[in-house]
Structures are given as structure tokens and as C-alpha cells.
Amino acid sequence: VSVDDPETARKVLKLIDALDDLEDVQQVIANFEIPEEILQRVEA
């Protein structure tokens, strides 16, 4: 799945981080691609 919207990318990354922080979760696997320019905007 391609994530081309900065706001959606921010939400996806926040969800992945939240899932990864849960004690009961051992592994988080996702199938998405965020273009480099969108990722740079989100991380800034």
C-alpha cells in the first residue's frame, strides 16, 4: 500500500509505534510504502 498523504503517513507511523510499544506485542509487520519526500516531511 502506498501512502502518499503526509497526514496519513503520520497516522500510520504513530500506529506502528503504538503497537510496537505494547508489552504483549512481540512483532509488528506492515505492508506500506511511504515515498522518501513524504517521510522527510513527516519526520521534520
PDB file of N, CA and C in Angstrom:
ATOM      1  N   VAL A   1       0.855  -1.160   0.000  1.00  0.00           N
ATOM      2  CA  VAL A   1       0.000   0.000   0.000  1.00  0.00           C
ATOM      3  C   VAL A   1       0.900   1.221   0.000  1.00  0.00           C
ATOM      4  N   SER A   2       0.657   2.119  -0.906  1.00  0.00           N
ATOM      5  CA  SER A   2       1.429   3.349  -0.976  1.00  0.00           C
ATOM      6  C   SER A   2       0.721   4.444  -0.187  1.00  0.00           C
ATOM      7  N   VAL A   3       1.454   5.103   0.691  1.00  0.00           N
ATOM      8  CA  VAL A   3       0.910   6.190   1.499  1.00  0.00           C
ATOM      9  C   VAL A   3       1.481   7.490   0.941  1.00  0.00           C
ATOM     10  N   ASP A   4       0.650   8.253   0.233  1.00  0.00           N
ATOM     11  CA  ASP A   4       1.114   9.456  -0.454  1.00  0.00           C
ATOM     12  C   ASP A   4       0.712  10.751   0.235  1.00  0.00           C
ATOM     13  N   ASP A   5      -0.042  10.664   1.302  1.00  0.00           N
ATOM     14  CA  ASP A   5      -0.514  11.843   2.017  1.00  0.00           C
ATOM     15  C   ASP A   5       0.278  11.992   3.320  1.00  0.00           C
ATOM     16  N   PRO A   6       0.870  13.161   3.578  1.00  0.00           N
ATOM     17  CA  PRO A   6       1.665  13.334   4.804  1.00  0.00           C
ATOM     18  C   PRO A   6       0.878  13.064   6.089  1.00  0.00           C
ATOM     19  N   GLU A   7      -0.365  13.474   6.152  1.00  0.00           N
ATOM     20  CA  GLU A   7      -1.168  13.257   7.361  1.00  0.00           C
ATOM     21  C   GLU A   7      -1.434  11.768   7.577  1.00  0.00           C
ATOM     22  N   THR A   8      -1.738  11.051   6.511  1.00  0.00           N
ATOM     23  CA  THR A   8      -1.950   9.608   6.615  1.00  0.00           C
ATOM     24  C   THR A   8      -0.654   8.911   7.010  1.00  0.00           C
ATOM     25  N   ALA A   9       0.452   9.334   6.435  1.00  0.00           N
ATOM     26  CA  ALA A   9       1.756   8.758   6.782  1.00  0.00           C
ATOM     27  C   ALA A   9       2.050   8.963   8.261  1.00  0.00           C
ATOM     28  N   ARG A  10       1.767  10.146   8.763  1.00  0.00           N
ATOM     29  CA  ARG A  10       1.983  10.440  10.184  1.00  0.00           C
ATOM     30  C   ARG A  10       1.149   9.507  11.061  1.00  0.00           C
ATOM     31  N   LYS A  11      -0.106   9.295  10.672  1.00  0.00           N
ATOM     32  CA  LYS A  11      -1.001   8.419  11.438  1.00  0.00           C
ATOM     33  C   LYS A  11      -0.531   6.967  11.397  1.00  0.00           C
ATOM     34  N   VAL A  12      -0.094   6.510  10.231  1.00  0.00           N
ATOM     35  CA  VAL A  12       0.385   5.132  10.089  1.00  0.00           C
ATOM     36  C   VAL A  12       1.617   4.908  10.964  1.00  0.00           C
ATOM     37  N   LEU A  13       2.558   5.834  10.925  1.00  0.00           N
ATOM     38  CA  LEU A  13       3.769   5.693  11.729  1.00  0.00           C
ATOM     39  C   LEU A  13       3.460   5.752  13.219  1.00  0.00           C
ATOM     40  N   LYS A  14       2.513   6.594  13.595  1.00  0.00           N
ATOM     41  CA  LYS A  14       2.106   6.681  15.003  1.00  0.00           C
ATOM     42  C   LYS A  14       1.470   5.364  15.458  1.00  0.00           C
ATOM     43  N   LEU A  15       0.641   4.766  14.609  1.00  0.00           N
ATOM     44  CA  LEU A  15       0.011   3.486  14.930  1.00  0.00           C
ATOM     45  C   LEU A  15       1.052   2.381  15.079  1.00  0.00           C
ATOM     46  N   ILE A  16       2.000   2.319  14.161  1.00  0.00           N
ATOM     47  CA  ILE A  16       3.055   1.305  14.225  1.00  0.00           C
ATOM     48  C   ILE A  16       3.856   1.462  15.517  1.00  0.00           C
ATOM     49  N   ASP A  17       4.191   2.696  15.874  1.00  0.00           N
ATOM     50  CA  ASP A  17       4.925   2.936  17.122  1.00  0.00           C
ATOM     51  C   ASP A  17       4.108   2.516  18.335  1.00  0.00           C
ATOM     52  N   ALA A  18       2.817   2.830  18.330  1.00  0.00           N
ATOM     53  CA  ALA A  18       1.954   2.478  19.462  1.00  0.00           C
ATOM     54  C   ALA A  18       1.845   0.965  19.610  1.00  0.00           C
ATOM     55  N   LEU A  19       1.684   0.264  18.505  1.00  0.00           N
ATOM     56  CA  LEU A  19       1.605  -1.194  18.555  1.00  0.00           C
ATOM     57  C   LEU A  19       2.916  -1.793  19.050  1.00  0.00           C
ATOM     58  N   ASP A  20       4.015  -1.257  18.578  1.00  0.00           N
ATOM     59  CA  ASP A  20       5.329  -1.767  18.961  1.00  0.00           C
ATOM     60  C   ASP A  20       5.609  -1.548  20.452  1.00  0.00           C
ATOM     61  N   ASP A  21       5.033  -0.514  21.031  1.00  0.00           N
ATOM     62  CA  ASP A  21       5.252  -0.207  22.449  1.00  0.00           C
ATOM     63  C   ASP A  21       4.443  -1.083  23.399  1.00  0.00           C
ATOM     64  N   LEU A  22       3.442  -1.788  22.891  1.00  0.00           N
ATOM     65  CA  LEU A  22       2.625  -2.643  23.750  1.00  0.00           C
ATOM     66  C   LEU A  22       3.445  -3.838  24.246  1.00  0.00           C
ATOM     67  N   GLU A  23       3.313  -4.147  25.527  1.00  0.00           N
ATOM     68  CA  GLU A  23       4.078  -5.247  26.121  1.00  0.00           C
ATOM     69  C   GLU A  23       3.758  -6.599  25.493  1.00  0.00           C
ATOM     70  N   ASP A  24       2.506  -6.831  25.183  1.00  0.00           N
ATOM     71  CA  ASP A  24       2.083  -8.135  24.673  1.00  0.00           C
ATOM     72  C   ASP A  24       2.446  -8.355  23.206  1.00  0.00           C
ATOM     73  N   VAL A  25       2.827  -7.313  22.510  1.00  0.00           N
ATOM     74  CA  VAL A  25       3.152  -7.416  21.088  1.00  0.00           C
ATOM     75  C   VAL A  25       4.617  -7.817  20.944  1.00  0.00           C
ATOM     76  N   GLN A  26       4.842  -8.906  20.210  1.00  0.00           N
ATOM     77  CA  GLN A  26       6.202  -9.393  20.008  1.00  0.00           C
ATOM     78  C   GLN A  26       6.797  -8.904  18.695  1.00  0.00           C
ATOM     79  N   GLN A  27       5.941  -8.673  17.697  1.00  0.00           N
ATOM     80  CA  GLN A  27       6.432  -8.286  16.385  1.00  0.00           C
ATOM     81  C   GLN A  27       5.348  -7.507  15.656  1.00  0.00           C
ATOM     82  N   VAL A  28       5.748  -6.442  14.972  1.00  0.00           N
ATOM     83  CA  VAL A  28       4.816  -5.659  14.166  1.00  0.00           C
ATOM     84  C   VAL A  28       5.275  -5.758  12.721  1.00  0.00           C
ATOM     85  N   ILE A  29       4.379  -6.218  11.873  1.00  0.00           N
ATOM     86  CA  ILE A  29       4.672  -6.344  10.449  1.00  0.00           C
ATOM     87  C   ILE A  29       3.661  -5.498   9.691  1.00  0.00           C
ATOM     88  N   ALA A  30       4.144  -4.720   8.737  1.00  0.00           N
ATOM     89  CA  ALA A  30       3.257  -3.848   7.972  1.00  0.00           C
ATOM     90  C   ALA A  30       3.628  -3.908   6.495  1.00  0.00           C
ATOM     91  N   ASN A  31       2.662  -3.612   5.663  1.00  0.00           N
ATOM     92  CA  ASN A  31       2.853  -3.640   4.220  1.00  0.00           C
ATOM     93  C   ASN A  31       2.466  -2.275   3.655  1.00  0.00           C
ATOM     94  N   PHE A  32       3.357  -1.299   3.825  1.00  0.00           N
ATOM     95  CA  PHE A  32       3.090   0.028   3.282  1.00  0.00           C
ATOM     96  C   PHE A  32       4.396   0.642   2.808  1.00  0.00           C
ATOM     97  N   GLU A  33       4.272   1.572   1.887  1.00  0.00           N
ATOM     98  CA  GLU A  33       5.421   2.304   1.367  1.00  0.00           C
ATOM     99  C   GLU A  33       5.130   3.787   1.500  1.00  0.00           C
ATOM    100  N   ILE A  34       6.078   4.505   2.069  1.00  0.00           N
ATOM    101  CA  ILE A  34       5.970   5.953   2.167  1.00  0.00           C
ATOM    102  C   ILE A  34       7.105   6.534   1.334  1.00  0.00           C
ATOM    103  N   PRO A  35       6.776   7.318   0.298  1.00  0.00           N
ATOM    104  CA  PRO A  35       7.830   7.921  -0.521  1.00  0.00           C
ATOM    105  C   PRO A  35       8.786   8.759   0.339  1.00  0.00           C
ATOM    106  N   GLU A  36      10.032   8.808  -0.046  1.00  0.00           N
ATOM    107  CA  GLU A  36      11.070   9.495   0.729  1.00  0.00           C
ATOM    108  C   GLU A  36      10.714  10.951   1.018  1.00  0.00           C
ATOM    109  N   GLU A  37      10.160  11.666   0.037  1.00  0.00           N
ATOM    110  CA  GLU A  37       9.837  13.081   0.254  1.00  0.00           C
ATOM    111  C   GLU A  37       8.720  13.255   1.288  1.00  0.00           C
ATOM    112  N   ILE A  38       7.765  12.327   1.308  1.00  0.00           N
ATOM    113  CA  ILE A  38       6.693  12.375   2.315  1.00  0.00           C
ATOM    114  C   ILE A  38       7.274  12.038   3.685  1.00  0.00           C
ATOM    115  N   LEU A  39       8.131  11.044   3.743  1.00  0.00           N
ATOM    116  CA  LEU A  39       8.749  10.636   5.003  1.00  0.00           C
ATOM    117  C   LEU A  39       9.578  11.772   5.602  1.00  0.00           C
ATOM    118  N   GLN A  40      10.301  12.493   4.768  1.00  0.00           N
ATOM    119  CA  GLN A  40      11.094  13.627   5.252  1.00  0.00           C
ATOM    120  C   GLN A  40      10.192  14.718   5.817  1.00  0.00           C
ATOM    121  N   ARG A  41       9.053  14.963   5.180  1.00  0.00           N
ATOM    122  CA  ARG A  41       8.118  15.986   5.667  1.00  0.00           C
ATOM    123  C   ARG A  41       7.510  15.574   7.001  1.00  0.00           C
ATOM    124  N   VAL A  42       7.231  14.290   7.162  1.00  0.00           N
ATOM    125  CA  VAL A  42       6.620  13.788   8.391  1.00  0.00           C
ATOM    126  C   VAL A  42       7.624  13.830   9.539  1.00  0.00           C
ATOM    127  N   GLU A  43       8.866  13.478   9.276  1.00  0.00           N
ATOM    128  CA  GLU A  43       9.884  13.421  10.316  1.00  0.00           C
ATOM    129  C   GLU A  43      10.418  14.793  10.700  1.00  0.00           C
ATOM    130  N   ALA A  44      10.150  15.808   9.911  1.00  0.00           N
ATOM    131  CA  ALA A  44      10.669  17.164  10.193  1.00  0.00           C
ATOM    132  C   ALA A  44       9.957  17.824  11.344  1.00  0.00           C
TER     133      ALA A  44
END
